[in-house]
Structure formats: C-alpha cells, structure tokens
PDB file of N, CA and C in Angstrom:
ATOM      1  N   MET A   1      27.034 -33.781 -34.266  1.00  0.00           N
ATOM      2  CA  MET A   1      26.501 -32.815 -35.188  1.00  0.00           C
ATOM      3  C   MET A   1      25.192 -32.285 -34.620  1.00  0.00           C
ATOM      4  N   SER A   2      24.919 -31.052 -34.836  1.00  0.00           N
ATOM      5  CA  SER A   2      23.696 -30.446 -34.325  1.00  0.00           C
ATOM      6  C   SER A   2      22.780 -30.056 -35.471  1.00  0.00           C
ATOM      7  N   THR A   3      21.502 -29.988 -35.162  1.00  0.00           N
ATOM      8  CA  THR A   3      20.503 -29.592 -36.150  1.00  0.00           C
ATOM      9  C   THR A   3      19.779 -28.358 -35.642  1.00  0.00           C
ATOM     10  N   TYR A   4      19.014 -27.751 -36.511  1.00  0.00           N
ATOM     11  CA  TYR A   4      18.247 -26.568 -36.146  1.00  0.00           C
ATOM     12  C   TYR A   4      16.767 -26.880 -36.248  1.00  0.00           C
ATOM     13  N   ARG A   5      16.017 -26.375 -35.290  1.00  0.00           N
ATOM     14  CA  ARG A   5      14.571 -26.520 -35.278  1.00  0.00           C
ATOM     15  C   ARG A   5      13.967 -25.132 -35.450  1.00  0.00           C
ATOM     16  N   VAL A   6      12.966 -25.010 -36.292  1.00  0.00           N
ATOM     17  CA  VAL A   6      12.329 -23.728 -36.560  1.00  0.00           C
ATOM     18  C   VAL A   6      11.035 -23.655 -35.763  1.00  0.00           C
ATOM     19  N   SER A   7      10.873 -22.579 -35.007  1.00  0.00           N
ATOM     20  CA  SER A   7       9.630 -22.379 -34.263  1.00  0.00           C
ATOM     21  C   SER A   7       9.077 -21.006 -34.608  1.00  0.00           C
ATOM     22  N   TYR A   8       7.771 -20.931 -34.776  1.00  0.00           N
ATOM     23  CA  TYR A   8       7.120 -19.687 -35.157  1.00  0.00           C
ATOM     24  C   TYR A   8       6.776 -18.858 -33.923  1.00  0.00           C
ATOM     25  N   ILE A   9       6.837 -17.564 -34.068  1.00  0.00           N
ATOM     26  CA  ILE A   9       6.491 -16.649 -32.988  1.00  0.00           C
ATOM     27  C   ILE A   9       4.986 -16.430 -33.006  1.00  0.00           C
ATOM     28  N   LYS A  10       4.373 -16.466 -31.854  1.00  0.00           N
ATOM     29  CA  LYS A  10       2.929 -16.259 -31.751  1.00  0.00           C
ATOM     30  C   LYS A  10       2.625 -14.762 -31.752  1.00  0.00           C
ATOM     31  N   GLY A  11       1.564 -14.370 -32.448  1.00  0.00           N
ATOM     32  CA  GLY A  11       1.190 -12.971 -32.531  1.00  0.00           C
ATOM     33  C   GLY A  11       0.065 -12.580 -31.599  1.00  0.00           C
ATOM     34  N   ALA A  12      -0.454 -13.534 -30.810  1.00  0.00           N
ATOM     35  CA  ALA A  12      -1.595 -13.231 -29.950  1.00  0.00           C
ATOM     36  C   ALA A  12      -1.236 -12.230 -28.854  1.00  0.00           C
ATOM     37  N   GLY A  13      -0.002 -12.215 -28.421  1.00  0.00           N
ATOM     38  CA  GLY A  13       0.407 -11.270 -27.384  1.00  0.00           C
ATOM     39  C   GLY A  13       0.326  -9.827 -27.849  1.00  0.00           C
ATOM     40  N   TRP A  14       0.659  -9.592 -29.117  1.00  0.00           N
ATOM     41  CA  TRP A  14       0.564  -8.236 -29.656  1.00  0.00           C
ATOM     42  C   TRP A  14      -0.889  -7.777 -29.716  1.00  0.00           C
ATOM     43  N   THR A  15      -1.789  -8.670 -30.093  1.00  0.00           N
ATOM     44  CA  THR A  15      -3.202  -8.312 -30.156  1.00  0.00           C
ATOM     45  C   THR A  15      -3.724  -7.979 -28.766  1.00  0.00           C
ATOM     46  N   ARG A  16      -3.341  -8.755 -27.771  1.00  0.00           N
ATOM     47  CA  ARG A  16      -3.762  -8.473 -26.398  1.00  0.00           C
ATOM     48  C   ARG A  16      -3.202  -7.148 -25.909  1.00  0.00           C
ATOM     49  N   LEU A  17      -1.967  -6.839 -26.285  1.00  0.00           N
ATOM     50  CA  LEU A  17      -1.386  -5.555 -25.913  1.00  0.00           C
ATOM     51  C   LEU A  17      -2.156  -4.404 -26.550  1.00  0.00           C
ATOM     52  N   GLY A  18      -2.570  -4.586 -27.791  1.00  0.00           N
ATOM     53  CA  GLY A  18      -3.376  -3.567 -28.462  1.00  0.00           C
ATOM     54  C   GLY A  18      -4.724  -3.370 -27.798  1.00  0.00           C
ATOM     55  N   LEU A  19      -5.358  -4.462 -27.376  1.00  0.00           N
ATOM     56  CA  LEU A  19      -6.644  -4.350 -26.674  1.00  0.00           C
ATOM     57  C   LEU A  19      -6.470  -3.659 -25.321  1.00  0.00           C
ATOM     58  N   ALA A  20      -5.364  -3.931 -24.646  1.00  0.00           N
ATOM     59  CA  ALA A  20      -5.108  -3.252 -23.369  1.00  0.00           C
ATOM     60  C   ALA A  20      -4.918  -1.754 -23.586  1.00  0.00           C
ATOM     61  N   GLY A  21      -4.206  -1.379 -24.637  1.00  0.00           N
ATOM     62  CA  GLY A  21      -4.035   0.045 -24.947  1.00  0.00           C
ATOM     63  C   GLY A  21      -5.347   0.706 -25.327  1.00  0.00           C
ATOM     64  N   ALA A  22      -6.198  -0.017 -26.052  1.00  0.00           N
ATOM     65  CA  ALA A  22      -7.504   0.532 -26.441  1.00  0.00           C
ATOM     66  C   ALA A  22      -8.385   0.751 -25.221  1.00  0.00           C
ATOM     67  N   VAL A  23      -8.372  -0.183 -24.291  1.00  0.00           N
ATOM     68  CA  VAL A  23      -9.165  -0.023 -23.068  1.00  0.00           C
ATOM     69  C   VAL A  23      -8.628   1.134 -22.239  1.00  0.00           C
ATOM     70  N   ALA A  24      -7.304   1.271 -22.182  1.00  0.00           N
ATOM     71  CA  ALA A  24      -6.717   2.404 -21.445  1.00  0.00           C
ATOM     72  C   ALA A  24      -7.129   3.735 -22.064  1.00  0.00           C
ATOM     73  N   THR A  25      -7.163   3.801 -23.398  1.00  0.00           N
ATOM     74  CA  THR A  25      -7.606   5.027 -24.068  1.00  0.00           C
ATOM     75  C   THR A  25      -9.083   5.280 -23.812  1.00  0.00           C
ATOM     76  N   LEU A  26      -9.867   4.224 -23.846  1.00  0.00           N
ATOM     77  CA  LEU A  26     -11.301   4.355 -23.631  1.00  0.00           C
ATOM     78  C   LEU A  26     -11.610   4.909 -22.235  1.00  0.00           C
ATOM     79  N   PHE A  27     -10.865   4.441 -21.230  1.00  0.00           N
ATOM     80  CA  PHE A  27     -11.079   4.955 -19.875  1.00  0.00           C
ATOM     81  C   PHE A  27     -10.330   6.254 -19.615  1.00  0.00           C
ATOM     82  N   GLY A  28      -9.254   6.487 -20.350  1.00  0.00           N
ATOM     83  CA  GLY A  28      -8.463   7.696 -20.129  1.00  0.00           C
ATOM     84  C   GLY A  28      -9.089   8.952 -20.719  1.00  0.00           C
ATOM     85  N   ALA A  29      -9.798   8.822 -21.835  1.00  0.00           N
ATOM     86  CA  ALA A  29     -10.373   9.993 -22.497  1.00  0.00           C
ATOM     87  C   ALA A  29     -11.377  10.737 -21.612  1.00  0.00           C
ATOM     88  N   PRO A  30     -12.327  10.067 -20.966  1.00  0.00           N
ATOM     89  CA  PRO A  30     -13.236  10.818 -20.085  1.00  0.00           C
ATOM     90  C   PRO A  30     -12.534  11.463 -18.891  1.00  0.00           C
ATOM     91  N   MET A  31     -11.507  10.807 -18.386  1.00  0.00           N
ATOM     92  CA  MET A  31     -10.776  11.393 -17.257  1.00  0.00           C
ATOM     93  C   MET A  31     -10.020  12.637 -17.694  1.00  0.00           C
ATOM     94  N   LEU A  32      -9.401  12.576 -18.871  1.00  0.00           N
ATOM     95  CA  LEU A  32      -8.699  13.758 -19.373  1.00  0.00           C
ATOM     96  C   LEU A  32      -9.684  14.881 -19.693  1.00  0.00           C
ATOM     97  N   TRP A  33     -10.854  14.522 -20.206  1.00  0.00           N
ATOM     98  CA  TRP A  33     -11.872  15.532 -20.490  1.00  0.00           C
ATOM     99  C   TRP A  33     -12.333  16.199 -19.200  1.00  0.00           C
ATOM    100  N   ALA A  34     -12.526  15.387 -18.155  1.00  0.00           N
ATOM    101  CA  ALA A  34     -12.969  15.943 -16.872  1.00  0.00           C
ATOM    102  C   ALA A  34     -11.910  16.864 -16.269  1.00  0.00           C
ATOM    103  N   LEU A  35     -10.646  16.597 -16.539  1.00  0.00           N
ATOM    104  CA  LEU A  35      -9.580  17.458 -16.030  1.00  0.00           C
ATOM    105  C   LEU A  35      -9.362  18.701 -16.887  1.00  0.00           C
ATOM    106  N   GLY A  36     -10.049  18.784 -18.022  1.00  0.00           N
ATOM    107  CA  GLY A  36      -9.931  19.954 -18.888  1.00  0.00           C
ATOM    108  C   GLY A  36      -8.749  19.887 -19.839  1.00  0.00           C
ATOM    109  N   ALA A  37      -8.233  18.692 -20.118  1.00  0.00           N
ATOM    110  CA  ALA A  37      -7.080  18.562 -21.003  1.00  0.00           C
ATOM    111  C   ALA A  37      -7.419  18.905 -22.450  1.00  0.00           C
ATOM    112  N   PHE A  38      -8.691  18.853 -22.816  1.00  0.00           N
ATOM    113  CA  PHE A  38      -9.101  19.149 -24.181  1.00  0.00           C
ATOM    114  C   PHE A  38      -9.651  20.565 -24.324  1.00  0.00           C
ATOM    115  N   GLY A  39      -9.538  21.354 -23.312  1.00  0.00           N
ATOM    116  CA  GLY A  39     -10.030  22.725 -23.332  1.00  0.00           C
ATOM    117  C   GLY A  39     -11.390  22.818 -22.659  1.00  0.00           C
ATOM    118  N   MET A  40     -12.003  23.979 -22.785  1.00  0.00           N
ATOM    119  CA  MET A  40     -13.312  24.218 -22.186  1.00  0.00           C
ATOM    120  C   MET A  40     -14.332  24.495 -23.292  1.00  0.00           C
ATOM    121  N   GLY A  41     -15.596  24.238 -22.979  1.00  0.00           N
ATOM    122  CA  GLY A  41     -16.656  24.523 -23.934  1.00  0.00           C
ATOM    123  C   GLY A  41     -17.133  23.274 -24.651  1.00  0.00           C
ATOM    124  N   ASP A  42     -17.957  23.528 -25.685  1.00  0.00           N
ATOM    125  CA  ASP A  42     -18.554  22.426 -26.436  1.00  0.00           C
ATOM    126  C   ASP A  42     -17.522  21.656 -27.271  1.00  0.00           C
ATOM    127  N   ASP A  43     -16.505  22.344 -27.747  1.00  0.00           N
ATOM    128  CA  ASP A  43     -15.493  21.671 -28.568  1.00  0.00           C
ATOM    129  C   ASP A  43     -14.668  20.677 -27.766  1.00  0.00           C
ATOM    130  N   ALA A  44     -14.579  20.864 -26.479  1.00  0.00           N
ATOM    131  CA  ALA A  44     -13.794  19.950 -25.649  1.00  0.00           C
ATOM    132  C   ALA A  44     -14.390  18.547 -25.665  1.00  0.00           C
ATOM    133  N   LEU A  45     -15.718  18.455 -25.617  1.00  0.00           N
ATOM    134  CA  LEU A  45     -16.358  17.140 -25.657  1.00  0.00           C
ATOM    135  C   LEU A  45     -16.126  16.463 -27.012  1.00  0.00           C
ATOM    136  N   HIS A  46     -16.195  17.232 -28.081  1.00  0.00           N
ATOM    137  CA  HIS A  46     -15.934  16.678 -29.415  1.00  0.00           C
ATOM    138  C   HIS A  46     -14.493  16.201 -29.527  1.00  0.00           C
ATOM    139  N   ARG A  47     -13.560  16.970 -28.995  1.00  0.00           N
ATOM    140  CA  ARG A  47     -12.150  16.557 -29.011  1.00  0.00           C
ATOM    141  C   ARG A  47     -11.934  15.286 -28.203  1.00  0.00           C
ATOM    142  N   ALA A  48     -12.609  15.161 -27.073  1.00  0.00           N
ATOM    143  CA  ALA A  48     -12.465  13.967 -26.238  1.00  0.00           C
ATOM    144  C   ALA A  48     -13.010  12.729 -26.941  1.00  0.00           C
ATOM    145  N   VAL A  49     -14.143  12.861 -27.620  1.00  0.00           N
ATOM    146  CA  VAL A  49     -14.721  11.731 -28.351  1.00  0.00           C
ATOM    147  C   VAL A  49     -13.811  11.331 -29.511  1.00  0.00           C
ATOM    148  N   ILE A  50     -13.302  12.313 -30.231  1.00  0.00           N
ATOM    149  CA  ILE A  50     -12.392  12.022 -31.343  1.00  0.00           C
ATOM    150  C   ILE A  50     -11.113  11.374 -30.820  1.00  0.00           C
ATOM    151  N   PHE A  51     -10.596  11.861 -29.697  1.00  0.00           N
ATOM    152  CA  PHE A  51      -9.405  11.263 -29.093  1.00  0.00           C
ATOM    153  C   PHE A  51      -9.655   9.808 -28.715  1.00  0.00           C
ATOM    154  N   ALA A  52     -10.804   9.520 -28.110  1.00  0.00           N
ATOM    155  CA  ALA A  52     -11.118   8.148 -27.686  1.00  0.00           C
ATOM    156  C   ALA A  52     -11.252   7.222 -28.889  1.00  0.00           C
ATOM    157  N   LEU A  53     -11.983   7.650 -29.918  1.00  0.00           N
ATOM    158  CA  LEU A  53     -12.166   6.803 -31.099  1.00  0.00           C
ATOM    159  C   LEU A  53     -10.855   6.601 -31.868  1.00  0.00           C
ATOM    160  N   ALA A  54     -10.071   7.664 -31.987  1.00  0.00           N
ATOM    161  CA  ALA A  54      -8.790   7.535 -32.678  1.00  0.00           C
ATOM    162  C   ALA A  54      -7.839   6.626 -31.885  1.00  0.00           C
ATOM    163  N   GLY A  55      -7.859   6.729 -30.564  1.00  0.00           N
ATOM    164  CA  GLY A  55      -7.014   5.863 -29.740  1.00  0.00           C
ATOM    165  C   GLY A  55      -7.414   4.406 -29.840  1.00  0.00           C
ATOM    166  N   LEU A  56      -8.731   4.156 -29.827  1.00  0.00           N
ATOM    167  CA  LEU A  56      -9.204   2.781 -29.997  1.00  0.00           C
ATOM    168  C   LEU A  56      -8.729   2.217 -31.329  1.00  0.00           C
ATOM    169  N   TRP A  57      -8.956   2.968 -32.394  1.00  0.00           N
ATOM    170  CA  TRP A  57      -8.571   2.512 -33.718  1.00  0.00           C
ATOM    171  C   TRP A  57      -7.063   2.311 -33.816  1.00  0.00           C
ATOM    172  N   PHE A  58      -6.291   3.262 -33.264  1.00  0.00           N
ATOM    173  CA  PHE A  58      -4.833   3.179 -33.337  1.00  0.00           C
ATOM    174  C   PHE A  58      -4.307   1.925 -32.645  1.00  0.00           C
ATOM    175  N   PHE A  59      -4.695   1.716 -31.388  1.00  0.00           N
ATOM    176  CA  PHE A  59      -4.154   0.588 -30.635  1.00  0.00           C
ATOM    177  C   PHE A  59      -4.607  -0.753 -31.201  1.00  0.00           C
ATOM    178  N   VAL A  60      -5.874  -0.892 -31.505  1.00  0.00           N
ATOM    179  CA  VAL A  60      -6.368  -2.180 -32.004  1.00  0.00           C
ATOM    180  C   VAL A  60      -5.751  -2.485 -33.365  1.00  0.00           C
ATOM    181  N   ALA A  61      -5.796  -1.556 -34.282  1.00  0.00           N
ATOM    182  CA  ALA A  61      -5.286  -1.807 -35.631  1.00  0.00           C
ATOM    183  C   ALA A  61      -3.772  -1.990 -35.638  1.00  0.00           C
ATOM    184  N   THR A  62      -3.048  -1.129 -34.945  1.00  0.00           N
ATOM    185  CA  THR A  62      -1.588  -1.194 -34.975  1.00  0.00           C
ATOM    186  C   THR A  62      -1.064  -2.491 -34.395  1.00  0.00           C
ATOM    187  N   PHE A  63      -1.529  -2.856 -33.214  1.00  0.00           N
ATOM    188  CA  PHE A  63      -0.981  -4.042 -32.581  1.00  0.00           C
ATOM    189  C   PHE A  63      -1.508  -5.329 -33.215  1.00  0.00           C
ATOM    190  N   PHE A  64      -2.692  -5.295 -33.817  1.00  0.00           N
ATOM    191  CA  PHE A  64      -3.162  -6.458 -34.566  1.00  0.00           C
ATOM    192  C   PHE A  64      -2.283  -6.679 -35.792  1.00  0.00           C
ATOM    193  N   VAL A  65      -1.953  -5.607 -36.483  1.00  0.00           N
ATOM    194  CA  VAL A  65      -1.105  -5.713 -37.668  1.00  0.00           C
ATOM    195  C   VAL A  65       0.308  -6.147 -37.280  1.00  0.00           C
ATOM    196  N   ILE A  66       0.827  -5.657 -36.167  1.00  0.00           N
ATOM    197  CA  ILE A  66       2.153  -6.084 -35.709  1.00  0.00           C
ATOM    198  C   ILE A  66       2.136  -7.582 -35.412  1.00  0.00           C
ATOM    199  N   GLY A  67       1.107  -8.057 -34.715  1.00  0.00           N
ATOM    200  CA  GLY A  67       1.002  -9.488 -34.426  1.00  0.00           C
ATOM    201  C   GLY A  67       0.898 -10.321 -35.679  1.00  0.00           C
ATOM    202  N   TRP A  68       0.180  -9.829 -36.664  1.00  0.00           N
ATOM    203  CA  TRP A  68       0.042 -10.537 -37.933  1.00  0.00           C
ATOM    204  C   TRP A  68       1.385 -10.568 -38.667  1.00  0.00           C
ATOM    205  N   ALA A  69       2.097  -9.456 -38.659  1.00  0.00           N
ATOM    206  CA  ALA A  69       3.374  -9.389 -39.373  1.00  0.00           C
ATOM    207  C   ALA A  69       4.448 -10.233 -38.690  1.00  0.00           C
ATOM    208  N   VAL A  70       4.436 -10.284 -37.383  1.00  0.00           N
ATOM    209  CA  VAL A  70       5.456 -11.036 -36.643  1.00  0.00           C
ATOM    210  C   VAL A  70       5.318 -12.527 -36.895  1.00  0.00           C
ATOM    211  N   GLN A  71       4.133 -13.002 -37.216  1.00  0.00           N
ATOM    212  CA  GLN A  71       3.945 -14.427 -37.487  1.00  0.00           C
ATOM    213  C   GLN A  71       4.736 -14.883 -38.701  1.00  0.00           C
ATOM    214  N   GLY A  72       5.110 -13.984 -39.565  1.00  0.00           N
ATOM    215  CA  GLY A  72       5.879 -14.355 -40.743  1.00  0.00           C
ATOM    216  C   GLY A  72       7.358 -14.563 -40.467  1.00  0.00           C
ATOM    217  N   PHE A  73       7.841 -14.122 -39.331  1.00  0.00           N
ATOM    218  CA  PHE A  73       9.242 -14.289 -38.990  1.00  0.00           C
ATOM    219  C   PHE A  73       9.432 -15.581 -38.201  1.00  0.00           C
ATOM    220  N   VAL A  74      10.617 -16.117 -38.240  1.00  0.00           N
ATOM    221  CA  VAL A  74      10.916 -17.343 -37.508  1.00  0.00           C
ATOM    222  C   VAL A  74      12.145 -17.126 -36.648  1.00  0.00           C
ATOM    223  N   VAL A  75      12.257 -17.941 -35.625  1.00  0.00           N
ATOM    224  CA  VAL A  75      13.424 -17.932 -34.757  1.00  0.00           C
ATOM    225  C   VAL A  75      14.072 -19.294 -34.876  1.00  0.00           C
ATOM    226  N   ARG A  76      15.349 -19.324 -35.099  1.00  0.00           N
ATOM    227  CA  ARG A  76      16.061 -20.593 -35.175  1.00  0.00           C
ATOM    228  C   ARG A  76      16.676 -20.884 -33.819  1.00  0.00           C
ATOM    229  N   GLN A  77      16.421 -22.076 -33.345  1.00  0.00           N
ATOM    230  CA  GLN A  77      16.955 -22.502 -32.054  1.00  0.00           C
ATOM    231  C   GLN A  77      17.842 -23.707 -32.279  1.00  0.00           C
ATOM    232  N   LYS A  78      19.042 -23.658 -31.717  1.00  0.00           N
ATOM    233  CA  LYS A  78      19.967 -24.760 -31.886  1.00  0.00           C
ATOM    234  C   LYS A  78      19.610 -25.865 -30.898  1.00  0.00           C
ATOM    235  N   VAL A  79      19.476 -27.089 -31.408  1.00  0.00           N
ATOM    236  CA  VAL A  79      19.150 -28.247 -30.589  1.00  0.00           C
ATOM    237  C   VAL A  79      20.423 -29.052 -30.410  1.00  0.00           C
ATOM    238  N   VAL A  80      20.795 -29.302 -29.155  1.00  0.00           N
ATOM    239  CA  VAL A  80      21.998 -30.067 -28.864  1.00  0.00           C
ATOM    240  C   VAL A  80      21.607 -31.526 -28.685  1.00  0.00           C
ATOM    241  N   GLU A  81      22.290 -32.409 -29.400  1.00  0.00           N
ATOM    242  CA  GLU A  81      22.016 -33.835 -29.304  1.00  0.00           C
ATOM    243  C   GLU A  81      23.213 -34.535 -28.674  1.00  0.00           C
ATOM    244  N   ASP A  82      22.961 -35.602 -27.944  1.00  0.00           N
ATOM    245  CA  ASP A  82      24.035 -36.415 -27.388  1.00  0.00           C
ATOM    246  C   ASP A  82      24.622 -37.287 -28.487  1.00  0.00           C
ATOM    247  N   ASP A  83      25.938 -37.411 -28.518  1.00  0.00           N
ATOM    248  CA  ASP A  83      26.586 -38.257 -29.508  1.00  0.00           C
ATOM    249  C   ASP A  83      26.436 -39.739 -29.171  1.00  0.00           C
ATOM    250  N   ALA A  84      26.115 -40.051 -27.895  1.00  0.00           N
ATOM    251  CA  ALA A  84      26.010 -41.441 -27.475  1.00  0.00           C
ATOM    252  C   ALA A  84      24.763 -42.101 -28.052  1.00  0.00           C
ATOM    253  N   GLU A  85      23.712 -41.359 -28.255  1.00  0.00           N
ATOM    254  CA  GLU A  85      22.466 -41.928 -28.772  1.00  0.00           C
ATOM    255  C   GLU A  85      22.450 -41.817 -30.290  1.00  0.00           C
ATOM    256  N   ASP A  86      22.425 -42.977 -30.935  1.00  0.00           N
ATOM    257  CA  ASP A  86      22.382 -42.984 -32.391  1.00  0.00           C
ATOM    258  C   ASP A  86      20.973 -43.180 -32.921  1.00  0.00           C
ATOM    259  N   GLY A  87      20.094 -43.767 -32.111  1.00  0.00           N
ATOM    260  CA  GLY A  87      18.742 -44.072 -32.559  1.00  0.00           C
ATOM    261  C   GLY A  87      17.762 -42.999 -32.137  1.00  0.00           C
ATOM    262  N   PRO A  88      16.503 -43.215 -32.479  1.00  0.00           N
ATOM    263  CA  PRO A  88      15.467 -42.259 -32.066  1.00  0.00           C
ATOM    264  C   PRO A  88      15.250 -42.328 -30.554  1.00  0.00           C
ATOM    265  N   PRO A  89      14.716 -41.272 -29.959  1.00  0.00           N
ATOM    266  CA  PRO A  89      14.475 -41.303 -28.508  1.00  0.00           C
ATOM    267  C   PRO A  89      13.457 -42.376 -28.153  1.00  0.00           C
ATOM    268  N   ARG A  90      13.682 -43.019 -27.016  1.00  0.00           N
ATOM    269  CA  ARG A  90      12.810 -44.096 -26.573  1.00  0.00           C
ATOM    270  C   ARG A  90      11.995 -43.656 -25.385  1.00  0.00           C
ATOM    271  N   ARG A  91      10.796 -44.228 -25.291  1.00  0.00           N
ATOM    272  CA  ARG A  91       9.940 -43.958 -24.134  1.00  0.00           C
ATOM    273  C   ARG A  91      10.398 -44.800 -22.969  1.00  0.00           C
ATOM    274  N   PRO A  92      10.305 -44.294 -21.727  1.00  0.00           N
ATOM    275  CA  PRO A  92      10.678 -45.102 -20.577  1.00  0.00           C
ATOM    276  C   PRO A  92       9.685 -46.250 -20.377  1.00  0.00           C
ATOM    277  N   VAL A  93      10.186 -47.350 -19.863  1.00  0.00           N
ATOM    278  CA  VAL A  93       9.351 -48.526 -19.620  1.00  0.00           C
ATOM    279  C   VAL A  93       8.582 -48.300 -18.328  1.00  0.00           C
ATOM    280  N   PRO A  94       7.248 -48.468 -18.319  1.00  0.00           N
ATOM    281  CA  PRO A  94       6.488 -48.264 -17.084  1.00  0.00           C
ATOM    282  C   PRO A  94       6.828 -49.349 -16.070  1.00  0.00           C
ATOM    283  N   SER A  95       6.805 -48.999 -14.774  1.00  0.00           N
ATOM    284  CA  SER A  95       7.167 -49.943 -13.728  1.00  0.00           C
ATOM    285  C   SER A  95       6.039 -50.931 -13.444  1.00  0.00           C
ATOM    286  N   ALA A  96       4.807 -50.536 -13.625  1.00  0.00           N
ATOM    287  CA  ALA A  96       3.671 -51.426 -13.375  1.00  0.00           C
ATOM    288  C   ALA A  96       2.703 -51.305 -14.545  1.00  0.00           C
ATOM    289  N   PRO A  97       1.994 -52.394 -14.864  1.00  0.00           N
ATOM    290  CA  PRO A  97       1.033 -52.290 -15.962  1.00  0.00           C
ATOM    291  C   PRO A  97      -0.127 -51.373 -15.568  1.00  0.00           C
ATOM    292  N   PRO A  98      -0.705 -50.683 -16.529  1.00  0.00           N
ATOM    293  CA  PRO A  98      -1.812 -49.776 -16.202  1.00  0.00           C
ATOM    294  C   PRO A  98      -3.037 -50.573 -15.755  1.00  0.00           C
ATOM    295  N   PRO A  99      -3.866 -49.992 -14.876  1.00  0.00           N
ATOM    296  CA  PRO A  99      -5.065 -50.699 -14.426  1.00  0.00           C
ATOM    297  C   PRO A  99      -6.041 -50.873 -15.581  1.00  0.00           C
ATOM    298  N   PRO A 100      -6.859 -51.913 -15.544  1.00  0.00           N
ATOM    299  CA  PRO A 100      -7.832 -52.108 -16.623  1.00  0.00           C
ATOM    300  C   PRO A 100      -8.876 -51.001 -16.605  1.00  0.00           C
ATOM    301  N   PRO A 101      -9.453 -50.672 -17.769  1.00  0.00           N
ATOM    302  CA  PRO A 101     -10.457 -49.601 -17.804  1.00  0.00           C
ATOM    303  C   PRO A 101     -11.704 -50.001 -17.031  1.00  0.00           C
ATOM    304  N   GLY A 102     -12.286 -49.031 -16.384  1.00  0.00           N
ATOM    305  CA  GLY A 102     -13.520 -49.253 -15.626  1.00  0.00           C
ATOM    306  C   GLY A 102     -13.274 -49.740 -14.203  1.00  0.00           C
ATOM    307  N   GLY A 103     -12.051 -50.004 -13.838  1.00  0.00           N
ATOM    308  CA  GLY A 103     -11.734 -50.399 -12.482  1.00  0.00           C
ATOM    309  C   GLY A 103     -12.100 -51.833 -12.132  1.00  0.00           C
ATOM    310  N   ARG A 104     -12.582 -52.605 -13.089  1.00  0.00           N
ATOM    311  CA  ARG A 104     -12.933 -54.001 -12.820  1.00  0.00           C
ATOM    312  C   ARG A 104     -11.802 -54.897 -13.266  1.00  0.00           C
ATOM    313  N   PRO A 105     -11.544 -55.964 -12.546  1.00  0.00           N
ATOM    314  CA  PRO A 105     -10.487 -56.892 -12.986  1.00  0.00           C
ATOM    315  C   PRO A 105     -10.924 -57.600 -14.268  1.00  0.00           C
ATOM    316  N   ALA A 106      -9.932 -57.938 -15.067  1.00  0.00           N
ATOM    317  CA  ALA A 106     -10.221 -58.608 -16.330  1.00  0.00           C
ATOM    318  C   ALA A 106     -10.712 -60.025 -16.044  1.00  0.00           C
ATOM    319  N   GLY A 107     -11.757 -60.405 -16.685  1.00  0.00           N
ATOM    320  CA  GLY A 107     -12.317 -61.742 -16.492  1.00  0.00           C
ATOM    321  C   GLY A 107     -13.283 -62.053 -17.610  1.00  0.00           C
ATOM    322  N   LYS A 108     -14.055 -63.102 -17.423  1.00  0.00           N
ATOM    323  CA  LYS A 108     -15.022 -63.463 -18.433  1.00  0.00           C
ATOM    324  C   LYS A 108     -16.227 -62.524 -18.372  1.00  0.00           C
ATOM    325  N   PRO A 109     -16.734 -62.135 -19.523  1.00  0.00           N
ATOM    326  CA  PRO A 109     -17.907 -61.262 -19.493  1.00  0.00           C
ATOM    327  C   PRO A 109     -19.127 -62.009 -18.950  1.00  0.00           C
ATOM    328  N   GLY A 110     -19.883 -61.309 -18.133  1.00  0.00           N
ATOM    329  CA  GLY A 110     -21.107 -61.871 -17.586  1.00  0.00           C
ATOM    330  C   GLY A 110     -20.927 -62.552 -16.247  1.00  0.00           C
ATOM    331  N   HIS A 111     -19.741 -62.667 -15.728  1.00  0.00           N
ATOM    332  CA  HIS A 111     -19.511 -63.295 -14.434  1.00  0.00           C
ATOM    333  C   HIS A 111     -19.043 -62.299 -13.427  1.00  0.00           C
TER     334      HIS A 111
END
C-alpha cells in the first residue's frame, strides 16, 4: 500500500524573479530614454521616469503576490514503500565507535 506526502511550494523564487525584473526595468529605462524610445523633449524624461517607477512597482508587487499565493497550493507526491519492511526505518549501525570529544582518550579526570 502506498501513502501520500504533502509538500508545500516555496514562493521565494517568484520574489527573486520579480526583483530581477525590477532591476532590469531600472537599468532599461535610462537606456531606452537615451535611444529616444520615449520621444524627444522635456516630456521624454518624465515618461522615462514614470516607466521606470511603474516597472519597479509592477515587477516587485506582481511577483511578490504570485509567490505569496503559490504558497497556499500543495503538491502531492506518491511515496513508494517496500512491502518487505513492516517496521519503521532503521539507522545503519556504525562500523567504529565515535572518537571521544576533545580528542583525549577517556580516563580518570586529573591524570
């Protein structure tokens, strides 16, 4: 018989993706302004600043919210168990005893 284990999806990747998009917008806006993508004149600088701020807000807010929302969903993964083992999993037996702490052999204190 098999059982199901529930694991939650991490949302930190979405937040990092949003920060990467925000940084790309932050560096892309001055380059587009320099190429004249926002037009010529005084209004072009205002359009570039508005584009940069709106892009920052869009990427950070959108991907943060996506990461937050994805945390509410779960993925079910099927765990396959061996039929031969009826008990709980056991730890392997160590081949040699661990060394004593501090590297000193065990003996009487003070000698």
